[in-house]
C-alpha cells in the first residue's frame, strides 16, 4: 500500500503553495479577515493557473484530474487563506460537480467553461431558518409552475458568499410530501441567478470566515426557466446526494489545512517563547499538547486522502467520507484550541493568525452537517438501530 503522492501530485501541491505564498502573504490575509475583504485577485490568480478547473473535463475548459487533486488544492488553500477556499469549494465542489454529474449537455457547455475561467461563481442556498440539520423536515421553500416558468418563494439562511456568487444552488419543494412518500421526494434543485428579480440578501454577521460574507436570502416569487433546473424535477435531492461524498472529502482536506496551519504556528511559538529560562516547548505538558494535536491532524490527513483515493477509483466510500469529515473537523478544532492555549493572550490578538484558525475551525464541527449527525450515519452503517 503506497501512501505517497505521485510525482505529478507533488508538483501540483508545490505549485499551489508557491502561488499562495506569492499572492497572499500572511499580513494581507489578516487584513482581508480584519476588514471583511473578499480576495478577488487571489481567486483570479487561481483561475489563471487552472485551479478552478481541477476535476472538470477538458472538453468544458477544465484541466481534468480527480478528487485527490482537488483535495490537494483545497488543503493548500485552507492552510494559507481559509476564506478564499470557501468560494472555491462552493464553485468547484457544488457548482462544478453538480453540473458535471446532473446537468444536461447544454448546461455543461453553458456553465462549466466560464466557471473554469473564474468568471462564474456559485454558492449553496439550502439551509432554511427553521431547518439546520433537518433540511428536508423543514423545507418550506416552494416552487411551482406558472405560465411556462418556475416560481420560487421562500427563505434560506447561512448562504455564504451569496454576494460574490453569480448563481445559487437552491432546493425547493415542488410536490407536497404525502404520508407514504419519502421526505426527499418532490424536491427540485435550481440554479438561480443572483440578479433575479425578487431575490434579496440580508447580511448575517458571523465571526467565522470574515472575508466571505454570509446572508439570509429571500426568494419573493423569483422566476426560473426550465433550463435552470438541475436534474429532473422532483428528483433534485438525488443531485444533491451525488455531491455528498465529494463535499465531505474536500471539507476534510480543508480542515486538515486549517489544523496544519494552527499546529505549525503553535510549534513555532513554543520553540521561541521562553519562560523560566527555557523554551516553553520544553515543558512536558506543552509538548504533549502539541504531540496530541499532531496525531489528530495526521490521522485526519490519512482519513481524508484514503476517502479521496477510494472516490477517485469509483469505490463505495460513503462511510469513509463521513468518517473523514468528523475526524478532520475534530483535528482542526483540537489543533487551533491547543494553539490558543499554548500562545495564551497572544493567541487572541488579531495581529496573529491563531484566533482566526480557532474561529474558522469551530464551524467545522457544526456545518454543513453536525458531527453528531455524521456519527449517527456512521452508527447506522455499523448496523446499529436508528437513533434519530
Protein backbone atom coordinates (compact mmCIF):
# COMPACT_ATOMS: atom_id res chain seq x y z
CA UNK A 1 0.00 0.00 0.00
CA UNK A 2 1.57 3.27 -1.18
CA UNK A 3 0.75 6.38 0.87
CA UNK A 4 2.98 8.67 -1.20
CA UNK A 5 1.63 11.28 -3.56
CA UNK A 6 2.61 10.72 -7.17
CA UNK A 7 5.25 12.97 -8.70
CA UNK A 8 2.53 14.84 -10.58
CA UNK A 9 0.57 15.36 -7.37
CA UNK A 10 3.68 16.58 -5.55
CA UNK A 11 4.31 19.09 -8.33
CA UNK A 12 0.70 20.27 -8.07
CA UNK A 13 1.00 20.70 -4.30
CA UNK A 14 4.24 22.65 -4.63
CA UNK A 15 2.89 24.86 -7.41
CA UNK A 16 -0.24 25.77 -5.47
CA UNK A 17 1.80 26.52 -2.35
CA UNK A 18 4.16 28.80 -4.28
CA UNK A 19 1.25 30.67 -5.88
CA UNK A 20 -0.34 31.24 -2.49
CA UNK A 21 2.93 32.44 -0.95
CA UNK A 22 3.21 34.95 -3.76
CA UNK A 23 -0.40 36.10 -3.94
CA UNK A 24 -1.45 36.11 -0.28
CA UNK A 25 1.28 36.83 2.26
CA UNK A 26 0.13 36.46 5.83
CA UNK A 27 -0.30 40.15 6.58
CA UNK A 28 -2.55 40.52 3.54
CA UNK A 29 -4.72 37.59 4.69
CA UNK A 30 -5.01 39.24 8.12
CA UNK A 31 -6.17 42.47 6.50
CA UNK A 32 -8.77 40.60 4.45
CA UNK A 33 -10.10 39.00 7.61
CA UNK A 34 -9.94 42.16 9.71
CA UNK A 35 -11.78 44.32 7.18
CA UNK A 36 -14.04 41.69 5.63
CA UNK A 37 -12.47 41.99 2.18
CA UNK A 38 -13.20 39.37 -0.48
CA UNK A 39 -9.82 38.44 -2.08
CA UNK A 40 -10.93 38.64 -5.72
CA UNK A 41 -7.35 38.98 -7.09
CA UNK A 42 -6.39 35.68 -5.45
CA UNK A 43 -9.38 33.91 -6.96
CA UNK A 44 -8.47 35.32 -10.37
CA UNK A 45 -4.89 34.07 -9.94
CA UNK A 46 -6.21 30.60 -9.10
CA UNK A 47 -8.33 30.67 -12.26
CA UNK A 48 -5.40 31.75 -14.45
CA UNK A 49 -3.35 28.87 -13.07
CA UNK A 50 -6.16 26.41 -13.86
CA UNK A 51 -7.00 25.53 -10.26
CA UNK A 52 -10.70 26.40 -10.59
CA UNK A 53 -10.98 23.81 -13.37
CA UNK A 54 -9.44 20.97 -11.36
CA UNK A 55 -11.64 17.90 -11.67
CA UNK A 56 -13.63 19.24 -14.64
CA UNK A 57 -13.32 17.57 -18.04
CA UNK A 58 -11.06 19.39 -20.55
CA UNK A 59 -13.95 19.29 -23.02
CA UNK A 60 -15.57 22.01 -20.90
CA UNK A 61 -12.46 24.05 -20.24
CA UNK A 62 -11.25 22.19 -17.18
CA UNK A 63 -7.86 20.65 -16.67
CA UNK A 64 -9.08 17.21 -15.64
CA UNK A 65 -7.77 15.48 -12.57
CA UNK A 66 -9.67 13.70 -9.85
CA UNK A 67 -10.80 14.40 -6.31
CA UNK A 68 -7.33 13.66 -4.94
CA UNK A 69 -6.05 16.62 -6.97
CA UNK A 70 -8.95 18.72 -5.71
CA UNK A 71 -8.14 17.73 -2.12
CA UNK A 72 -4.52 18.80 -2.58
CA UNK A 73 -5.57 22.23 -3.82
CA UNK A 74 -8.20 22.56 -1.08
CA UNK A 75 -5.77 21.69 1.71
CA UNK A 76 -3.22 24.23 0.50
CA UNK A 77 -5.89 26.92 0.13
CA UNK A 78 -7.17 26.31 3.65
CA UNK A 79 -3.63 26.39 5.01
CA UNK A 80 -2.91 29.82 3.52
CA UNK A 81 -6.23 31.63 3.02
CA UNK A 82 -9.27 29.94 4.53
CA UNK A 83 -11.82 32.48 3.30
CA UNK A 84 -10.82 32.09 -0.35
CA UNK A 85 -11.19 28.35 -0.02
CA UNK A 86 -14.93 28.69 0.70
CA UNK A 87 -15.94 30.18 -2.70
CA UNK A 88 -13.53 27.71 -4.33
CA UNK A 89 -15.30 24.84 -2.56
CA UNK A 90 -18.77 26.17 -3.41
CA UNK A 91 -17.87 26.62 -7.05
CA UNK A 92 -15.71 23.57 -7.71
CA UNK A 93 -17.36 21.01 -5.44
CA UNK A 94 -21.01 22.05 -5.56
CA UNK A 95 -21.29 24.06 -8.75
CA UNK A 96 -18.88 22.12 -10.93
CA UNK A 97 -19.59 18.67 -9.52
CA UNK A 98 -23.38 19.10 -9.53
CA UNK A 99 -23.45 20.35 -13.11
CA UNK A 100 -20.95 17.72 -14.28
CA UNK A 101 -22.94 14.88 -12.76
CA UNK A 102 -26.58 16.03 -13.08
CA UNK A 103 -26.52 18.66 -15.79
CA UNK A 104 -27.57 18.28 -19.39
CA UNK A 105 -25.02 18.67 -22.17
CA UNK A 106 -26.37 22.17 -22.84
CA UNK A 107 -25.98 23.12 -19.17
CA UNK A 108 -22.42 21.80 -19.08
CA UNK A 109 -21.49 23.80 -22.17
CA UNK A 110 -23.15 26.93 -20.78
CA UNK A 111 -21.86 26.89 -17.18
CA UNK A 112 -18.60 24.96 -16.99
CA UNK A 113 -16.26 26.88 -19.35
CA UNK A 114 -16.83 30.27 -17.62
CA UNK A 115 -16.67 28.51 -14.25
CA UNK A 116 -13.21 27.18 -15.11
CA UNK A 117 -12.10 30.63 -16.25
CA UNK A 118 -13.14 32.08 -12.89
CA UNK A 119 -15.96 34.08 -14.45
CA UNK A 120 -18.82 32.23 -12.72
CA UNK A 121 -19.02 31.54 -9.00
CA UNK A 122 -21.63 29.57 -7.12
CA UNK A 123 -22.98 29.48 -3.57
CA UNK A 124 -25.14 26.96 -1.74
CA UNK A 125 -28.62 28.04 -0.66
CA UNK A 126 -30.13 25.03 1.05
CA UNK A 127 -30.46 25.61 4.83
CA UNK A 128 -33.73 27.18 5.99
CA UNK A 129 -34.24 29.38 9.07
CA UNK A 130 -36.02 26.56 10.90
CA UNK A 131 -34.02 23.71 9.44
CA UNK A 132 -30.38 23.20 10.28
CA UNK A 133 -29.51 19.52 10.11
CA UNK A 134 -33.14 18.54 9.43
CA UNK A 135 -33.11 20.09 5.95
CA UNK A 136 -35.94 18.07 4.42
CA UNK A 137 -38.10 18.17 7.53
CA UNK A 138 -38.15 21.98 7.41
CA UNK A 139 -38.03 22.59 3.68
CA UNK A 140 -40.56 25.41 3.46
CA UNK A 141 -39.28 26.99 0.24
CA UNK A 142 -41.75 26.16 -2.52
CA UNK A 143 -41.62 26.25 -6.31
CA UNK A 144 -44.46 25.79 -8.77
CA UNK A 145 -45.17 26.08 -12.49
CA UNK A 146 -46.84 29.22 -13.74
CA UNK A 147 -47.10 30.43 -17.35
CA UNK A 148 -44.40 28.03 -18.51
CA UNK A 149 -41.84 29.00 -15.84
CA UNK A 150 -40.97 28.05 -12.30
CA UNK A 151 -41.82 30.45 -9.45
CA UNK A 152 -39.77 30.14 -6.24
CA UNK A 153 -40.90 31.53 -2.89
CA UNK A 154 -39.15 31.12 0.45
CA UNK A 155 -36.12 31.99 2.58
CA UNK A 156 -32.69 30.45 3.08
CA UNK A 157 -30.18 31.16 5.84
CA UNK A 158 -26.38 30.93 6.12
CA UNK A 159 -25.76 31.26 2.39
CA UNK A 160 -22.05 32.06 2.42
CA UNK A 161 -20.67 34.04 -0.49
CA UNK A 162 -24.07 34.94 -1.96
CA UNK A 163 -22.93 38.50 -2.73
CA UNK A 164 -19.99 37.34 -4.84
CA UNK A 165 -21.79 34.40 -6.47
CA UNK A 166 -23.40 34.56 -9.88
CA UNK A 167 -25.67 31.59 -9.24
CA UNK A 168 -27.14 29.98 -6.14
CA UNK A 169 -27.89 26.26 -5.90
CA UNK A 170 -31.37 26.26 -4.39
CA UNK A 171 -33.51 23.33 -3.28
CA UNK A 172 -37.26 23.84 -3.16
CA UNK A 173 -40.23 21.57 -2.66
CA UNK A 174 -42.12 21.24 -5.91
CA UNK A 175 -44.53 18.46 -4.90
CA UNK A 176 -46.02 18.31 -1.38
CA UNK A 177 -44.95 15.21 0.57
CA UNK A 178 -47.65 12.61 1.05
CA UNK A 179 -47.93 10.29 4.05
CA UNK A 180 -46.36 7.45 2.05
CA UNK A 181 -43.59 9.31 0.18
CA UNK A 182 -40.04 9.86 1.36
CA UNK A 183 -39.13 13.40 2.53
CA UNK A 184 -36.61 13.57 -0.32
CA UNK A 185 -39.32 13.06 -2.95
CA UNK A 186 -40.78 16.11 -4.64
CA UNK A 187 -37.65 18.25 -4.21
CA UNK A 188 -36.09 20.12 -7.15
CA UNK A 189 -32.63 21.67 -7.48
CA UNK A 190 -32.47 25.04 -9.22
CA UNK A 191 -29.66 27.27 -10.42
CA UNK A 192 -30.85 30.79 -9.61
CA UNK A 193 -29.10 33.92 -10.84
CA UNK A 194 -28.28 36.34 -8.04
CA UNK A 195 -29.51 39.11 -10.35
CA UNK A 196 -33.02 37.67 -10.43
CA UNK A 197 -35.95 39.98 -9.78
CA UNK A 198 -37.42 39.17 -6.37
CA UNK A 199 -34.15 37.87 -4.88
CA UNK A 200 -32.80 39.86 -1.94
CA UNK A 201 -29.92 39.46 0.52
CA UNK A 202 -29.63 40.35 4.20
CA UNK A 203 -26.17 40.01 5.70
CA UNK A 204 -25.81 37.81 8.77
CA UNK A 205 -22.85 38.99 10.84
CA UNK A 206 -20.85 35.90 11.82
CA UNK A 207 -17.46 35.53 13.49
CA UNK A 208 -16.05 32.96 11.08
CA UNK A 209 -14.63 33.32 7.55
CA UNK A 210 -14.83 37.09 7.77
CA UNK A 211 -13.53 37.65 4.25
CA UNK A 212 -16.57 35.93 2.77
CA UNK A 213 -19.90 37.27 3.99
CA UNK A 214 -22.90 35.18 4.96
CA UNK A 215 -26.50 36.00 4.08
CA UNK A 216 -30.14 35.25 4.51
CA UNK A 217 -31.63 35.02 1.01
CA UNK A 218 -35.28 35.78 0.31
CA UNK A 219 -36.95 34.42 -2.84
CA UNK A 220 -40.03 36.54 -3.40
CA UNK A 221 -41.65 34.83 -6.39
CA UNK A 222 -38.38 34.51 -8.29
CA UNK A 223 -39.00 33.09 -11.77
CA UNK A 224 -36.73 30.49 -13.37
CA UNK A 225 -36.82 28.85 -16.81
CA UNK A 226 -36.68 25.07 -17.25
CA UNK A 227 -33.07 25.40 -18.39
CA UNK A 228 -32.04 26.25 -14.83
CA UNK A 229 -33.45 23.06 -13.30
CA UNK A 230 -30.54 20.76 -12.48
CA UNK A 231 -31.51 17.14 -12.94
CA UNK A 232 -35.16 16.15 -13.14
CA UNK A 233 -37.99 18.00 -11.39
CA UNK A 234 -38.94 16.35 -8.09
CA UNK A 235 -35.64 14.41 -8.09
CA UNK A 236 -33.27 17.20 -7.09
CA UNK A 237 -32.25 15.61 -3.82
CA UNK A 238 -30.53 12.86 -5.81
CA UNK A 239 -28.33 15.50 -7.44
CA UNK A 240 -27.50 16.91 -4.00
CA UNK A 241 -26.63 13.47 -2.61
CA UNK A 242 -24.41 12.75 -5.60
CA UNK A 243 -22.08 15.50 -4.44
CA UNK A 244 -22.20 14.49 -0.78
CA UNK A 245 -19.08 12.30 -0.74
CA UNK A 246 -17.10 14.93 -2.64
CA UNK A 247 -18.25 17.61 -0.23
CA UNK A 248 -17.24 15.68 2.87
CA UNK A 249 -13.89 14.60 1.45
CA UNK A 250 -12.96 18.13 0.38
CA UNK A 251 -14.15 19.57 3.68
CA UNK A 252 -11.92 17.05 5.41
CA UNK A 253 -8.95 18.23 3.32
CA UNK A 254 -9.95 21.81 4.09
CA UNK A 255 -9.91 21.16 7.83
CA UNK A 256 -6.59 19.33 7.57
CA UNK A 257 -5.21 22.55 6.08
CA UNK A 258 -6.52 24.67 8.96
CA UNK A 259 -5.28 22.16 11.53
CA UNK A 260 -1.81 22.02 9.97
CA UNK A 261 -1.57 25.81 9.89
CA UNK A 262 -2.55 26.06 13.55
CA UNK A 263 -0.14 23.30 14.54
CA UNK A 264 2.79 24.84 12.64
CA UNK A 265 2.24 28.23 14.28
CA UNK A 266 1.88 26.69 17.73
CA UNK A 267 5.08 24.64 17.40
CA UNK A 268 6.99 27.69 16.14
CA UNK A 269 5.77 29.76 19.09
CA UNK A 270 6.59 27.00 21.62
CA UNK A 271 10.16 26.82 20.29
CA UNK A 272 10.70 30.58 20.53
CA UNK A 273 8.77 31.67 23.63
CA UNK A 274 10.78 31.33 26.82
CA UNK A 275 9.62 31.03 30.42
CA UNK A 276 11.62 30.12 33.49
CA UNK A 277 14.78 30.16 31.47
CA UNK A 278 13.88 27.82 28.60
CA UNK A 279 11.53 27.49 25.60
CA UNK A 280 8.02 26.56 26.71
CA UNK A 281 8.07 23.65 24.26
CA UNK A 282 10.44 22.00 26.71
CA UNK A 283 7.69 21.72 29.32
CA UNK A 284 6.16 18.28 29.07
CA UNK A 285 2.54 19.39 29.16
CA UNK A 286 3.08 21.83 26.30
CA UNK A 287 4.98 19.19 24.34
CA UNK A 288 2.16 16.68 24.90
CA UNK A 289 -0.47 19.20 23.80
CA UNK A 290 1.37 19.64 20.52
CA UNK A 291 2.11 15.94 20.06
CA UNK A 292 -1.57 15.13 20.52
CA UNK A 293 -2.55 17.81 18.00
CA UNK A 294 -0.04 16.37 15.54
CA UNK A 295 -1.55 12.91 15.94
CA UNK A 296 -5.02 14.33 15.30
CA UNK A 297 -4.00 16.23 12.15
CA UNK A 298 -2.04 13.32 10.68
CA UNK A 299 -4.90 10.92 11.38
CA UNK A 300 -7.28 13.32 9.64
CA UNK A 301 -4.96 13.61 6.64
CA UNK A 302 -4.83 9.83 6.26
CA UNK A 303 -8.61 9.58 6.54
CA UNK A 304 -9.21 12.39 4.02
CA UNK A 305 -6.85 11.08 1.36
CA UNK A 306 -7.95 7.48 1.83
CA UNK A 307 -11.54 8.54 1.15
CA UNK A 308 -10.39 10.64 -1.82
CA UNK A 309 -8.41 7.69 -3.20
CA UNK A 310 -11.47 5.45 -2.94
CA UNK A 311 -13.76 8.02 -4.56
CA UNK A 312 -11.31 8.54 -7.43
CA UNK A 313 -11.38 4.81 -8.14
CA UNK A 314 -15.14 4.57 -8.07
CA UNK A 315 -15.19 2.55 -4.85
CA UNK A 316 -18.07 2.94 -2.38
CA UNK A 317 -16.84 5.38 0.24
CA UNK A 318 -19.83 6.97 1.94
CA UNK A 319 -18.73 5.71 5.34
CA UNK A 320 -15.10 6.69 4.77
CA UNK A 321 -16.07 10.19 3.58
CA UNK A 322 -18.24 10.75 6.64
CA UNK A 323 -15.51 9.41 8.93
CA UNK A 324 -13.00 11.78 7.32
CA UNK A 325 -15.33 14.74 7.81
CA UNK A 326 -15.70 14.03 11.54
CA UNK A 327 -12.04 13.25 12.22
CA UNK A 328 -10.78 16.30 10.32
CA UNK A 329 -13.26 18.67 11.95
CA UNK A 330 -12.18 17.50 15.40
CA UNK A 331 -8.50 17.67 14.42
CA UNK A 332 -8.74 21.25 13.16
CA UNK A 333 -10.51 22.31 16.33
CA UNK A 334 -8.04 20.48 18.56
CA UNK A 335 -5.01 22.00 16.83
CA UNK A 336 -6.46 25.51 16.94
CA UNK A 337 -7.60 25.20 20.56
CA UNK A 338 -4.19 23.83 21.58
CA UNK A 339 -2.62 26.73 19.72
CA UNK A 340 -4.72 29.20 21.70
CA UNK A 341 -3.71 27.52 24.96
CA UNK A 342 -0.01 27.45 24.06
CA UNK A 343 0.04 31.08 22.89
CA UNK A 344 -2.02 32.38 25.80
CA UNK A 345 -3.02 36.02 25.42
CA UNK A 346 -1.15 36.37 22.14
CA UNK A 347 -3.49 33.84 20.59
CA UNK A 348 -6.36 36.30 20.94
CA UNK A 349 -4.56 39.10 19.11
CA UNK A 350 -5.79 39.94 15.61
CA UNK A 351 -2.17 40.76 14.81
CA UNK A 352 -1.65 36.99 14.62
CA UNK A 353 -3.50 34.12 12.97
CA UNK A 354 -4.34 31.69 15.77
CA UNK A 355 -7.61 33.38 16.71
CA UNK A 356 -8.69 33.15 13.05
CA UNK A 357 -7.88 29.44 12.89
CA UNK A 358 -9.82 28.99 16.14
CA UNK A 359 -12.90 30.82 14.83
CA UNK A 360 -12.85 29.07 11.48
CA UNK A 361 -12.16 25.60 12.89
CA UNK A 362 -15.07 25.76 15.33
CA UNK A 363 -17.58 25.90 12.50
CA UNK A 364 -16.27 22.61 11.10
CA UNK A 365 -17.92 20.67 13.90
CA UNK A 366 -21.34 22.17 13.04
CA UNK A 367 -21.57 22.77 9.30
CA UNK A 368 -22.53 21.77 6.77
CA UNK A 369 -23.63 18.80 8.87
CA UNK A 370 -23.02 18.46 12.60
CA UNK A 371 -20.54 15.89 13.78
CA UNK A 372 -23.33 14.41 15.90
CA UNK A 373 -25.45 13.78 12.80
CA UNK A 374 -22.43 12.36 10.98
CA UNK A 375 -21.88 9.97 13.90
CA UNK A 376 -25.49 8.84 13.52
CA UNK A 377 -24.72 7.98 9.90
CA UNK A 378 -21.66 6.00 10.93
CA UNK A 379 -23.61 4.18 13.64
CA UNK A 380 -26.29 3.23 11.10
CA UNK A 381 -23.58 1.84 8.79
CA UNK A 382 -22.40 -0.32 11.68
CA UNK A 383 -25.83 -1.92 11.82
CA UNK A 384 -26.99 -0.17 14.98
CA UNK A 385 -30.64 0.83 15.44
CA UNK A 386 -31.58 4.25 14.09
CA UNK A 387 -31.17 6.89 16.80
CA UNK A 388 -32.85 9.89 15.19
